[in-house]
C-alpha atoms as a PDB file:
ATOM      1  CA  MET A   1     135.578-145.335-145.603  1.00  0.00           C
ATOM      2  CA  ASN A   2     132.793-142.809-145.212  1.00  0.00           C
ATOM      3  CA  VAL A   3     133.279-139.892-142.868  1.00  0.00           C
ATOM      4  CA  THR A   4     130.165-138.357-141.409  1.00  0.00           C
ATOM      5  CA  VAL A   5     130.508-134.708-140.538  1.00  0.00           C
ATOM      6  CA  LYS A   6     128.158-133.645-137.793  1.00  0.00           C
ATOM      7  CA  LYS A   7     127.038-130.058-137.643  1.00  0.00           C
ATOM      8  CA  SER A   8     126.481-128.633-134.195  1.00  0.00           C
ATOM      9  CA  VAL A   9     123.130-127.069-133.430  1.00  0.00           C
ATOM     10  CA  THR A  10     122.972-123.788-131.527  1.00  0.00           C
ATOM     11  CA  ILE A  11     119.701-123.138-129.773  1.00  0.00           C
ATOM     12  CA  ARG A  12     119.537-119.763-128.029  1.00  0.00           C
ATOM     13  CA  LYS A  13     116.423-118.026-129.318  1.00  0.00           C
ATOM     14  CA  ILE A  14     112.768-118.922-129.537  1.00  0.00           C
ATOM     15  CA  SER A  15     113.136-119.180-133.345  1.00  0.00           C
ATOM     16  CA  ASP A  16     115.951-121.722-132.864  1.00  0.00           C
ATOM     17  CA  LEU A  17     113.581-123.865-130.805  1.00  0.00           C
ATOM     18  CA  ARG A  18     110.986-123.590-133.589  1.00  0.00           C
ATOM     19  CA  ASP A  19     113.499-124.442-136.310  1.00  0.00           C
ATOM     20  CA  ASN A  20     114.600-127.572-134.404  1.00  0.00           C
ATOM     21  CA  HIS A  21     111.056-128.711-133.490  1.00  0.00           C
ATOM     22  CA  MET A  22     111.411-128.069-129.762  1.00  0.00           C
ATOM     23  CA  THR A  23     109.393-126.348-127.052  1.00  0.00           C
ATOM     24  CA  LEU A  24     110.372-124.652-123.797  1.00  0.00           C
ATOM     25  CA  GLY A  25     108.887-126.027-120.597  1.00  0.00           C
ATOM     26  CA  LEU A  26     108.644-123.632-117.641  1.00  0.00           C
ATOM     27  CA  PHE A  27     108.281-124.839-114.052  1.00  0.00           C
ATOM     28  CA  CYS A  28     107.496-122.730-110.991  1.00  0.00           C
ATOM     29  CA  LEU A  29     108.995-124.241-107.841  1.00  0.00           C
ATOM     30  CA  GLU A  30     106.953-121.956-105.601  1.00  0.00           C
ATOM     31  CA  CYS A  31     103.521-123.136-106.724  1.00  0.00           C
ATOM     32  CA  ASN A  32     104.467-126.415-108.464  1.00  0.00           C
ATOM     33  CA  ARG A  33     103.029-125.462-111.871  1.00  0.00           C
ATOM     34  CA  TRP A  34     104.179-126.265-115.411  1.00  0.00           C
ATOM     35  CA  GLY A  35     103.757-124.071-118.454  1.00  0.00           C
ATOM     36  CA  GLU A  36     105.063-124.420-121.981  1.00  0.00           C
ATOM     37  CA  ILE A  37     106.157-122.043-124.709  1.00  0.00           C
ATOM     38  CA  VAL A  38     105.324-123.351-128.165  1.00  0.00           C
ATOM     39  CA  PRO A  39     107.631-121.310-130.423  1.00  0.00           C
ATOM     40  CA  ASN A  40     105.246-121.004-133.398  1.00  0.00           C
ATOM     41  CA  GLU A  41     102.488-119.685-131.141  1.00  0.00           C
ATOM     42  CA  TRP A  42     104.903-117.333-129.319  1.00  0.00           C
ATOM     43  CA  LEU A  43     106.309-115.800-132.503  1.00  0.00           C
ATOM     44  CA  SER A  44     103.032-115.653-134.459  1.00  0.00           C
ATOM     45  CA  SER A  45     101.401-113.751-131.585  1.00  0.00           C
ATOM     46  CA  GLY A  46     103.927-110.944-132.111  1.00  0.00           C
ATOM     47  CA  LYS A  47     106.151-111.654-129.116  1.00  0.00           C
ATOM     48  CA  ARG A  48     109.863-110.969-129.529  1.00  0.00           C
ATOM     49  CA  ASP A  49     112.373-113.617-130.606  1.00  0.00           C
ATOM     50  CA  VAL A  50     114.215-113.476-127.277  1.00  0.00           C
ATOM     51  CA  ASP A  51     117.385-115.235-126.156  1.00  0.00           C
ATOM     52  CA  TYR A  52     115.559-117.620-123.813  1.00  0.00           C
ATOM     53  CA  ILE A  53     118.769-118.607-122.009  1.00  0.00           C
ATOM     54  CA  ASN A  54     119.240-115.138-120.507  1.00  0.00           C
ATOM     55  CA  GLN A  55     115.525-114.353-120.326  1.00  0.00           C
ATOM     56  CA  LYS A  56     113.946-114.521-116.857  1.00  0.00           C
ATOM     57  CA  PHE A  57     110.468-116.020-117.117  1.00  0.00           C
ATOM     58  CA  LYS A  58     108.067-115.706-114.205  1.00  0.00           C
ATOM     59  CA  CYS A  59     104.983-117.582-113.131  1.00  0.00           C
ATOM     60  CA  GLY A  60     101.728-115.935-114.177  1.00  0.00           C
ATOM     61  CA  GLU A  61     100.026-117.217-111.016  1.00  0.00           C
ATOM     62  CA  CYS A  62     102.414-116.364-108.139  1.00  0.00           C
ATOM     63  CA  GLY A  63     105.158-114.321-109.840  1.00  0.00           C
ATOM     64  CA  GLY A  64     107.921-116.786-108.902  1.00  0.00           C
ATOM     65  CA  GLN A  65     110.864-117.311-111.242  1.00  0.00           C
ATOM     66  CA  ALA A  66     110.398-120.263-113.610  1.00  0.00           C
ATOM     67  CA  ASP A  67     112.988-122.955-114.284  1.00  0.00           C
ATOM     68  CA  LYS A  68     113.455-123.736-117.990  1.00  0.00           C
ATOM     69  CA  GLN A  69     113.522-127.113-119.725  1.00  0.00           C
ATOM     70  CA  VAL A  70     114.117-127.544-123.468  1.00  0.00           C
ATOM     71  CA  ARG A  71     111.879-130.307-124.762  1.00  0.00           C
ATOM     72  CA  PRO A  72     111.701-132.231-128.031  1.00  0.00           C
ATOM     73  CA  GLN A  73     108.569-131.947-130.113  1.00  0.00           C
ATOM     74  CA  PRO A  74     105.728-133.718-128.292  1.00  0.00           C
ATOM     75  CA  ILE A  75     104.541-137.075-129.600  1.00  0.00           C
ATOM     76  CA  ASP A  76     100.817-137.347-130.221  1.00  0.00           C
ATOM     77  CA  PHE A  77     100.080-140.745-128.701  1.00  0.00           C
ATOM     78  CA  SER A  78      96.375-140.399-129.492  1.00  0.00           C
ATOM     79  CA  GLN A  79      97.210-141.219-133.116  1.00  0.00           C
ATOM     80  CA  GLY A  80      98.409-144.728-132.213  1.00  0.00           C
ATOM     81  CA  ALA A  81     102.136-143.980-132.115  1.00  0.00           C
ATOM     82  CA  MET A  82     102.451-146.254-129.098  1.00  0.00           C
ATOM     83  CA  VAL A  83     100.177-148.774-127.460  1.00  0.00           C
ATOM     84  CA  ALA A  84     100.653-149.961-123.899  1.00  0.00           C
ATOM     85  CA  GLU A  85      99.676-153.551-123.372  1.00  0.00           C
ATOM     86  CA  VAL A  86      99.323-155.188-119.993  1.00  0.00           C
ATOM     87  CA  PRO A  87     100.257-158.879-120.047  1.00  0.00           C
ATOM     88  CA  THR A  88      97.534-161.243-118.932  1.00  0.00           C
ATOM     89  CA  GLU A  89      98.239-163.929-116.362  1.00  0.00           C
ATOM     90  CA  ASN A  90      97.754-167.512-117.480  1.00  0.00           C
END
């Protein structure tokens, strides 16, 4: 019998998102806008490796507080990863 030990993943900082191939989506309820933090871009631009859970992000357009959504790495569908086919009627 094989026992698989699963290691928990703790994701609190921007670098943790990067290390686990995730991004942080930000949504402003006040003006209905989405933004996204791509961890590599954030960190390479010299911004701090903040604890995003406690960090208050605000909308650059209206100044409203943004809701946060952790997202998996985006899939580039333009490379043929998925094709949608519409069935034809006979």
